[in-house]
């Protein structure tokens, strides 16, 4: 467990200070990570499909699944964040 005071700053945010609560902060962080995952998987998938000597078929299938799952989670979290508090 970290004792760094910066690690827990978002826990103390309140509506009175005009800052986002911790859950929203973590949701934004998760959304950012999902976007990175989506971009990485989609780019790798495009490269593997374009190659004359593709990689293992199961890896391509796994990447296709990850692209779809990440896309779905991005849509879900984006909708969650769009809801009024």
PDB file of N, CA and C in Angstrom:
ATOM      1  N   UNK A   1       0.848  -1.181   0.000  1.00  0.00           N
ATOM      2  CA  UNK A   1       0.000   0.000   0.000  1.00  0.00           C
ATOM      3  C   UNK A   1       0.884   1.231   0.000  1.00  0.00           C
ATOM      4  N   UNK A   2       0.570   2.185  -0.832  1.00  0.00           N
ATOM      5  CA  UNK A   2       1.371   3.385  -0.977  1.00  0.00           C
ATOM      6  C   UNK A   2       1.041   4.396   0.109  1.00  0.00           C
ATOM      7  N   UNK A   3       2.070   5.087   0.556  1.00  0.00           N
ATOM      8  CA  UNK A   3       1.862   6.158   1.530  1.00  0.00           C
ATOM      9  C   UNK A   3       2.056   7.516   0.889  1.00  0.00           C
ATOM     10  N   UNK A   4       2.248   7.533  -0.412  1.00  0.00           N
ATOM     11  CA  UNK A   4       2.410   8.776  -1.152  1.00  0.00           C
ATOM     12  C   UNK A   4       1.125   9.584  -1.081  1.00  0.00           C
ATOM     13  N   UNK A   5       1.196  10.829  -0.614  1.00  0.00           N
ATOM     14  CA  UNK A   5      -0.003  11.650  -0.449  1.00  0.00           C
ATOM     15  C   UNK A   5      -0.675  11.950  -1.782  1.00  0.00           C
ATOM     16  N   UNK A   6       0.080  11.949  -2.881  1.00  0.00           N
ATOM     17  CA  UNK A   6      -0.503  12.234  -4.190  1.00  0.00           C
ATOM     18  C   UNK A   6      -1.373  11.078  -4.683  1.00  0.00           C
ATOM     19  N   UNK A   7      -1.096   9.879  -4.189  1.00  0.00           N
ATOM     20  CA  UNK A   7      -1.831   8.708  -4.622  1.00  0.00           C
ATOM     21  C   UNK A   7      -3.297   8.807  -4.247  1.00  0.00           C
ATOM     22  N   UNK A   8      -3.600   9.434  -3.117  1.00  0.00           N
ATOM     23  CA  UNK A   8      -4.953   9.455  -2.604  1.00  0.00           C
ATOM     24  C   UNK A   8      -5.622  10.823  -2.705  1.00  0.00           C
ATOM     25  N   UNK A   9      -5.057  11.730  -3.463  1.00  0.00           N
ATOM     26  CA  UNK A   9      -5.636  13.065  -3.589  1.00  0.00           C
ATOM     27  C   UNK A   9      -7.074  13.043  -4.066  1.00  0.00           C
ATOM     28  N   UNK A  10      -7.385  12.164  -5.029  1.00  0.00           N
ATOM     29  CA  UNK A  10      -8.723  12.174  -5.604  1.00  0.00           C
ATOM     30  C   UNK A  10      -9.791  11.681  -4.630  1.00  0.00           C
ATOM     31  N   UNK A  11      -9.416  11.005  -3.577  1.00  0.00           N
ATOM     32  CA  UNK A  11     -10.372  10.509  -2.605  1.00  0.00           C
ATOM     33  C   UNK A  11     -10.974  11.661  -1.807  1.00  0.00           C
ATOM     34  N   UNK A  12     -10.240  12.748  -1.645  1.00  0.00           N
ATOM     35  CA  UNK A  12     -10.690  13.847  -0.823  1.00  0.00           C
ATOM     36  C   UNK A  12     -11.460  14.912  -1.596  1.00  0.00           C
ATOM     37  N   UNK A  13     -11.635  14.762  -2.881  1.00  0.00           N
ATOM     38  CA  UNK A  13     -12.359  15.750  -3.682  1.00  0.00           C
ATOM     39  C   UNK A  13     -13.836  15.732  -3.326  1.00  0.00           C
ATOM     40  N   UNK A  14     -14.450  16.903  -3.298  1.00  0.00           N
ATOM     41  CA  UNK A  14     -15.872  16.999  -2.981  1.00  0.00           C
ATOM     42  C   UNK A  14     -16.551  17.929  -3.960  1.00  0.00           C
ATOM     43  N   UNK A  15     -17.873  17.909  -3.945  1.00  0.00           N
ATOM     44  CA  UNK A  15     -18.641  18.815  -4.795  1.00  0.00           C
ATOM     45  C   UNK A  15     -18.387  20.263  -4.393  1.00  0.00           C
ATOM     46  N   UNK A  16     -18.126  20.503  -3.120  1.00  0.00           N
ATOM     47  CA  UNK A  16     -17.891  21.868  -2.633  1.00  0.00           C
ATOM     48  C   UNK A  16     -16.643  22.484  -3.249  1.00  0.00           C
ATOM     49  N   UNK A  17     -15.666  21.650  -3.580  1.00  0.00           N
ATOM     50  CA  UNK A  17     -14.432  22.165  -4.171  1.00  0.00           C
ATOM     51  C   UNK A  17     -14.518  22.211  -5.683  1.00  0.00           C
ATOM     52  N   UNK A  18     -15.581  21.641  -6.242  1.00  0.00           N
ATOM     53  CA  UNK A  18     -15.748  21.661  -7.693  1.00  0.00           C
ATOM     54  C   UNK A  18     -14.898  20.655  -8.427  1.00  0.00           C
ATOM     55  N   UNK A  19     -14.375  19.672  -7.727  1.00  0.00           N
ATOM     56  CA  UNK A  19     -13.555  18.654  -8.367  1.00  0.00           C
ATOM     57  C   UNK A  19     -14.341  17.365  -8.488  1.00  0.00           C
ATOM     58  N   UNK A  20     -13.884  16.487  -9.364  1.00  0.00           N
ATOM     59  CA  UNK A  20     -14.556  15.224  -9.593  1.00  0.00           C
ATOM     60  C   UNK A  20     -14.344  14.266  -8.424  1.00  0.00           C
ATOM     61  N   UNK A  21     -15.347  13.446  -8.116  1.00  0.00           N
ATOM     62  CA  UNK A  21     -15.149  12.420  -7.097  1.00  0.00           C
ATOM     63  C   UNK A  21     -14.201  11.342  -7.610  1.00  0.00           C
ATOM     64  N   UNK A  22     -13.702  10.519  -6.699  1.00  0.00           N
ATOM     65  CA  UNK A  22     -12.708   9.494  -7.041  1.00  0.00           C
ATOM     66  C   UNK A  22     -13.210   8.536  -8.105  1.00  0.00           C
ATOM     67  N   UNK A  23     -14.459   8.131  -8.049  1.00  0.00           N
ATOM     68  CA  UNK A  23     -14.969   7.168  -9.014  1.00  0.00           C
ATOM     69  C   UNK A  23     -14.878   7.705 -10.438  1.00  0.00           C
ATOM     70  N   UNK A  24     -15.241   8.964 -10.632  1.00  0.00           N
ATOM     71  CA  UNK A  24     -15.154   9.552 -11.966  1.00  0.00           C
ATOM     72  C   UNK A  24     -13.707   9.620 -12.426  1.00  0.00           C
ATOM     73  N   UNK A  25     -12.808   9.955 -11.522  1.00  0.00           N
ATOM     74  CA  UNK A  25     -11.386  10.023 -11.873  1.00  0.00           C
ATOM     75  C   UNK A  25     -10.896   8.658 -12.327  1.00  0.00           C
ATOM     76  N   UNK A  26     -11.246   7.623 -11.576  1.00  0.00           N
ATOM     77  CA  UNK A  26     -10.820   6.276 -11.946  1.00  0.00           C
ATOM     78  C   UNK A  26     -11.479   5.839 -13.246  1.00  0.00           C
ATOM     79  N   UNK A  27     -12.716   6.217 -13.462  1.00  0.00           N
ATOM     80  CA  UNK A  27     -13.402   5.864 -14.698  1.00  0.00           C
ATOM     81  C   UNK A  27     -12.710   6.509 -15.892  1.00  0.00           C
ATOM     82  N   UNK A  28     -12.300   7.761 -15.755  1.00  0.00           N
ATOM     83  CA  UNK A  28     -11.568   8.433 -16.835  1.00  0.00           C
ATOM     84  C   UNK A  28     -10.231   7.730 -17.091  1.00  0.00           C
ATOM     85  N   UNK A  29      -9.559   7.307 -16.029  1.00  0.00           N
ATOM     86  CA  UNK A  29      -8.296   6.593 -16.193  1.00  0.00           C
ATOM     87  C   UNK A  29      -8.520   5.260 -16.901  1.00  0.00           C
ATOM     88  N   UNK A  30      -9.569   4.545 -16.505  1.00  0.00           N
ATOM     89  CA  UNK A  30      -9.868   3.264 -17.146  1.00  0.00           C
ATOM     90  C   UNK A  30     -10.236   3.465 -18.608  1.00  0.00           C
ATOM     91  N   UNK A  31     -10.985   4.513 -18.890  1.00  0.00           N
ATOM     92  CA  UNK A  31     -11.351   4.818 -20.270  1.00  0.00           C
ATOM     93  C   UNK A  31     -10.106   5.107 -21.103  1.00  0.00           C
ATOM     94  N   UNK A  32      -9.176   5.843 -20.550  1.00  0.00           N
ATOM     95  CA  UNK A  32      -7.916   6.128 -21.261  1.00  0.00           C
ATOM     96  C   UNK A  32      -7.138   4.849 -21.544  1.00  0.00           C
ATOM     97  N   UNK A  33      -7.065   3.963 -20.547  1.00  0.00           N
ATOM     98  CA  UNK A  33      -6.351   2.699 -20.741  1.00  0.00           C
ATOM     99  C   UNK A  33      -7.044   1.841 -21.792  1.00  0.00           C
ATOM    100  N   UNK A  34      -8.373   1.820 -21.785  1.00  0.00           N
ATOM    101  CA  UNK A  34      -9.112   1.059 -22.786  1.00  0.00           C
ATOM    102  C   UNK A  34      -8.883   1.598 -24.187  1.00  0.00           C
ATOM    103  N   UNK A  35      -8.791   2.913 -24.309  1.00  0.00           N
ATOM    104  CA  UNK A  35      -8.518   3.502 -25.626  1.00  0.00           C
ATOM    105  C   UNK A  35      -7.136   3.116 -26.128  1.00  0.00           C
ATOM    106  N   UNK A  36      -6.172   3.069 -25.236  1.00  0.00           N
ATOM    107  CA  UNK A  36      -4.820   2.638 -25.609  1.00  0.00           C
ATOM    108  C   UNK A  36      -4.847   1.166 -26.030  1.00  0.00           C
ATOM    109  N   UNK A  37      -5.536   0.329 -25.244  1.00  0.00           N
ATOM    110  CA  UNK A  37      -5.648  -1.094 -25.566  1.00  0.00           C
ATOM    111  C   UNK A  37      -6.327  -1.289 -26.912  1.00  0.00           C
ATOM    112  N   UNK A  38      -7.429  -0.580 -27.120  1.00  0.00           N
ATOM    113  CA  UNK A  38      -8.167  -0.674 -28.382  1.00  0.00           C
ATOM    114  C   UNK A  38      -7.272  -0.289 -29.560  1.00  0.00           C
ATOM    115  N   UNK A  39      -6.593   0.839 -29.445  1.00  0.00           N
ATOM    116  CA  UNK A  39      -5.723   1.307 -30.527  1.00  0.00           C
ATOM    117  C   UNK A  39      -4.592   0.339 -30.814  1.00  0.00           C
ATOM    118  N   UNK A  40      -3.998  -0.193 -29.768  1.00  0.00           N
ATOM    119  CA  UNK A  40      -2.890  -1.138 -29.945  1.00  0.00           C
ATOM    120  C   UNK A  40      -3.352  -2.423 -30.606  1.00  0.00           C
ATOM    121  N   UNK A  41      -4.459  -2.962 -30.120  1.00  0.00           N
ATOM    122  CA  UNK A  41      -4.972  -4.211 -30.697  1.00  0.00           C
ATOM    123  C   UNK A  41      -5.442  -4.013 -32.134  1.00  0.00           C
ATOM    124  N   UNK A  42      -6.136  -2.918 -32.395  1.00  0.00           N
ATOM    125  CA  UNK A  42      -6.635  -2.661 -33.751  1.00  0.00           C
ATOM    126  C   UNK A  42      -5.482  -2.470 -34.727  1.00  0.00           C
ATOM    127  N   UNK A  43      -4.449  -1.766 -34.306  1.00  0.00           N
ATOM    128  CA  UNK A  43      -3.287  -1.535 -35.165  1.00  0.00           C
ATOM    129  C   UNK A  43      -2.548  -2.845 -35.441  1.00  0.00           C
ATOM    130  N   UNK A  44      -2.361  -3.650 -34.407  1.00  0.00           N
ATOM    131  CA  UNK A  44      -1.697  -4.944 -34.587  1.00  0.00           C
ATOM    132  C   UNK A  44      -2.519  -5.839 -35.506  1.00  0.00           C
ATOM    133  N   UNK A  45      -3.821  -5.843 -35.316  1.00  0.00           N
ATOM    134  CA  UNK A  45      -4.699  -6.654 -36.144  1.00  0.00           C
ATOM    135  C   UNK A  45      -4.610  -6.252 -37.612  1.00  0.00           C
ATOM    136  N   UNK A  46      -4.627  -4.957 -37.885  1.00  0.00           N
ATOM    137  CA  UNK A  46      -4.485  -4.469 -39.265  1.00  0.00           C
ATOM    138  C   UNK A  46      -3.158  -4.907 -39.864  1.00  0.00           C
ATOM    139  N   UNK A  47      -2.096  -4.780 -39.087  1.00  0.00           N
ATOM    140  CA  UNK A  47      -0.768  -5.155 -39.583  1.00  0.00           C
ATOM    141  C   UNK A  47      -0.692  -6.651 -39.871  1.00  0.00           C
ATOM    142  N   UNK A  48      -1.244  -7.467 -38.973  1.00  0.00           N
ATOM    143  CA  UNK A  48      -1.194  -8.910 -39.173  1.00  0.00           C
ATOM    144  C   UNK A  48      -2.046  -9.337 -40.356  1.00  0.00           C
ATOM    145  N   UNK A  49      -3.179  -8.689 -40.564  1.00  0.00           N
ATOM    146  CA  UNK A  49      -4.033  -9.019 -41.710  1.00  0.00           C
ATOM    147  C   UNK A  49      -3.380  -8.609 -43.022  1.00  0.00           C
ATOM    148  N   UNK A  50      -2.613  -7.545 -43.027  1.00  0.00           N
ATOM    149  CA  UNK A  50      -1.977  -7.043 -44.242  1.00  0.00           C
ATOM    150  C   UNK A  50      -0.710  -7.820 -44.603  1.00  0.00           C
ATOM    151  N   UNK A  51      -0.153  -8.534 -43.647  1.00  0.00           N
ATOM    152  CA  UNK A  51       1.100  -9.257 -43.883  1.00  0.00           C
ATOM    153  C   UNK A  51       0.868 -10.449 -44.807  1.00  0.00           C
ATOM    154  N   UNK A  52       1.860 -10.721 -45.663  1.00  0.00           N
ATOM    155  CA  UNK A  52       1.780 -11.884 -46.542  1.00  0.00           C
ATOM    156  C   UNK A  52       1.902 -13.182 -45.750  1.00  0.00           C
ATOM    157  N   UNK A  53       2.585 -13.136 -44.641  1.00  0.00           N
ATOM    158  CA  UNK A  53       2.786 -14.302 -43.795  1.00  0.00           C
ATOM    159  C   UNK A  53       2.186 -13.994 -42.422  1.00  0.00           C
ATOM    160  N   UNK A  54       0.866 -14.156 -42.276  1.00  0.00           N
ATOM    161  CA  UNK A  54       0.210 -13.765 -41.031  1.00  0.00           C
ATOM    162  C   UNK A  54       0.675 -14.597 -39.839  1.00  0.00           C
ATOM    163  N   UNK A  55       0.473 -14.028 -38.679  1.00  0.00           N
ATOM    164  CA  UNK A  55       0.814 -14.733 -37.449  1.00  0.00           C
ATOM    165  C   UNK A  55      -0.238 -15.791 -37.166  1.00  0.00           C
ATOM    166  N   UNK A  56      -0.073 -16.483 -36.099  1.00  0.00           N
ATOM    167  CA  UNK A  56      -0.973 -17.543 -35.664  1.00  0.00           C
ATOM    168  C   UNK A  56      -2.441 -17.116 -35.748  1.00  0.00           C
ATOM    169  N   UNK A  57      -3.269 -17.960 -36.338  1.00  0.00           N
ATOM    170  CA  UNK A  57      -4.690 -17.656 -36.507  1.00  0.00           C
ATOM    171  C   UNK A  57      -5.393 -17.399 -35.175  1.00  0.00           C
ATOM    172  N   UNK A  58      -4.989 -18.113 -34.130  1.00  0.00           N
ATOM    173  CA  UNK A  58      -5.628 -17.916 -32.824  1.00  0.00           C
ATOM    174  C   UNK A  58      -5.298 -16.542 -32.256  1.00  0.00           C
ATOM    175  N   UNK A  59      -4.087 -16.064 -32.487  1.00  0.00           N
ATOM    176  CA  UNK A  59      -3.715 -14.717 -32.026  1.00  0.00           C
ATOM    177  C   UNK A  59      -4.577 -13.675 -32.728  1.00  0.00           C
ATOM    178  N   UNK A  60      -4.787 -13.835 -34.013  1.00  0.00           N
ATOM    179  CA  UNK A  60      -5.638 -12.912 -34.766  1.00  0.00           C
ATOM    180  C   UNK A  60      -7.062 -12.956 -34.208  1.00  0.00           C
ATOM    181  N   UNK A  61      -7.563 -14.140 -33.937  1.00  0.00           N
ATOM    182  CA  UNK A  61      -8.916 -14.278 -33.377  1.00  0.00           C
ATOM    183  C   UNK A  61      -9.000 -13.620 -31.998  1.00  0.00           C
ATOM    184  N   UNK A  62      -7.965 -13.794 -31.187  1.00  0.00           N
ATOM    185  CA  UNK A  62      -7.943 -13.160 -29.859  1.00  0.00           C
ATOM    186  C   UNK A  62      -7.918 -11.640 -29.974  1.00  0.00           C
ATOM    187  N   UNK A  63      -7.134 -11.138 -30.920  1.00  0.00           N
ATOM    188  CA  UNK A  63      -7.090  -9.687 -31.134  1.00  0.00           C
ATOM    189  C   UNK A  63      -8.442  -9.154 -31.595  1.00  0.00           C
ATOM    190  N   UNK A  64      -9.106  -9.894 -32.479  1.00  0.00           N
ATOM    191  CA  UNK A  64     -10.444  -9.481 -32.919  1.00  0.00           C
ATOM    192  C   UNK A  64     -11.397  -9.397 -31.738  1.00  0.00           C
ATOM    193  N   UNK A  65     -11.323 -10.378 -30.853  1.00  0.00           N
ATOM    194  CA  UNK A  65     -12.166 -10.381 -29.655  1.00  0.00           C
ATOM    195  C   UNK A  65     -11.835  -9.193 -28.762  1.00  0.00           C
ATOM    196  N   UNK A  66     -10.559  -8.916 -28.572  1.00  0.00           N
ATOM    197  CA  UNK A  66     -10.157  -7.792 -27.710  1.00  0.00           C
ATOM    198  C   UNK A  66     -10.592  -6.459 -28.302  1.00  0.00           C
ATOM    199  N   UNK A  67     -10.511  -6.305 -29.605  1.00  0.00           N
ATOM    200  CA  UNK A  67     -10.948  -5.069 -30.247  1.00  0.00           C
ATOM    201  C   UNK A  67     -12.436  -4.859 -29.985  1.00  0.00           C
ATOM    202  N   UNK A  68     -13.235  -5.895 -30.151  1.00  0.00           N
ATOM    203  CA  UNK A  68     -14.682  -5.781 -29.927  1.00  0.00           C
ATOM    204  C   UNK A  68     -15.012  -5.539 -28.465  1.00  0.00           C
ATOM    205  N   UNK A  69     -14.340  -6.246 -27.570  1.00  0.00           N
ATOM    206  CA  UNK A  69     -14.605  -6.064 -26.135  1.00  0.00           C
ATOM    207  C   UNK A  69     -14.183  -4.687 -25.668  1.00  0.00           C
ATOM    208  N   UNK A  70     -13.015  -4.231 -26.111  1.00  0.00           N
ATOM    209  CA  UNK A  70     -12.548  -2.900 -25.712  1.00  0.00           C
ATOM    210  C   UNK A  70     -13.487  -1.825 -26.257  1.00  0.00           C
ATOM    211  N   UNK A  71     -13.931  -1.990 -27.490  1.00  0.00           N
ATOM    212  CA  UNK A  71     -14.861  -1.032 -28.083  1.00  0.00           C
ATOM    213  C   UNK A  71     -16.150  -0.965 -27.270  1.00  0.00           C
ATOM    214  N   UNK A  72     -16.673  -2.111 -26.887  1.00  0.00           N
ATOM    215  CA  UNK A  72     -17.886  -2.160 -26.081  1.00  0.00           C
ATOM    216  C   UNK A  72     -17.711  -1.493 -24.725  1.00  0.00           C
ATOM    217  N   UNK A  73     -16.590  -1.733 -24.082  1.00  0.00           N
ATOM    218  CA  UNK A  73     -16.321  -1.118 -22.781  1.00  0.00           C
ATOM    219  C   UNK A  73     -16.126   0.394 -22.902  1.00  0.00           C
ATOM    220  N   UNK A  74     -15.483   0.822 -23.971  1.00  0.00           N
ATOM    221  CA  UNK A  74     -15.323   2.267 -24.207  1.00  0.00           C
ATOM    222  C   UNK A  74     -16.688   2.917 -24.346  1.00  0.00           C
ATOM    223  N   UNK A  75     -17.561   2.295 -25.115  1.00  0.00           N
ATOM    224  CA  UNK A  75     -18.912   2.831 -25.294  1.00  0.00           C
ATOM    225  C   UNK A  75     -19.669   2.859 -23.964  1.00  0.00           C
ATOM    226  N   UNK A  76     -19.545   1.791 -23.176  1.00  0.00           N
ATOM    227  CA  UNK A  76     -20.241   1.704 -21.890  1.00  0.00           C
ATOM    228  C   UNK A  76     -19.744   2.775 -20.922  1.00  0.00           C
ATOM    229  N   UNK A  77     -18.425   2.915 -20.790  1.00  0.00           N
ATOM    230  CA  UNK A  77     -17.881   3.916 -19.871  1.00  0.00           C
ATOM    231  C   UNK A  77     -18.163   5.338 -20.337  1.00  0.00           C
ATOM    232  N   UNK A  78     -18.121   5.559 -21.639  1.00  0.00           N
ATOM    233  CA  UNK A  78     -18.428   6.889 -22.173  1.00  0.00           C
ATOM    234  C   UNK A  78     -19.877   7.255 -21.844  1.00  0.00           C
ATOM    235  N   UNK A  79     -20.787   6.317 -21.998  1.00  0.00           N
ATOM    236  CA  UNK A  79     -22.197   6.561 -21.657  1.00  0.00           C
ATOM    237  C   UNK A  79     -22.352   6.811 -20.165  1.00  0.00           C
ATOM    238  N   UNK A  80     -21.616   6.054 -19.354  1.00  0.00           N
ATOM    239  CA  UNK A  80     -21.667   6.230 -17.901  1.00  0.00           C
ATOM    240  C   UNK A  80     -21.208   7.633 -17.494  1.00  0.00           C
ATOM    241  N   UNK A  81     -20.138   8.095 -18.118  1.00  0.00           N
ATOM    242  CA  UNK A  81     -19.606   9.427 -17.798  1.00  0.00           C
ATOM    243  C   UNK A  81     -20.515  10.537 -18.293  1.00  0.00           C
ATOM    244  N   UNK A  82     -21.305  10.279 -19.330  1.00  0.00           N
ATOM    245  CA  UNK A  82     -22.190  11.291 -19.884  1.00  0.00           C
ATOM    246  C   UNK A  82     -23.432  11.513 -19.017  1.00  0.00           C
ATOM    247  N   UNK A  83     -23.727  10.559 -18.134  1.00  0.00           N
ATOM    248  CA  UNK A  83     -24.887  10.700 -17.258  1.00  0.00           C
ATOM    249  C   UNK A  83     -24.658  11.822 -16.259  1.00  0.00           C
ATOM    250  N   UNK A  84     -25.678  12.645 -16.013  1.00  0.00           N
ATOM    251  CA  UNK A  84     -25.529  13.705 -15.014  1.00  0.00           C
ATOM    252  C   UNK A  84     -25.376  13.099 -13.622  1.00  0.00           C
ATOM    253  N   UNK A  85     -24.579  13.757 -12.801  1.00  0.00           N
ATOM    254  CA  UNK A  85     -24.304  13.250 -11.441  1.00  0.00           C
ATOM    255  C   UNK A  85     -25.474  13.454 -10.510  1.00  0.00           C
TER     256      UNK A  85
END
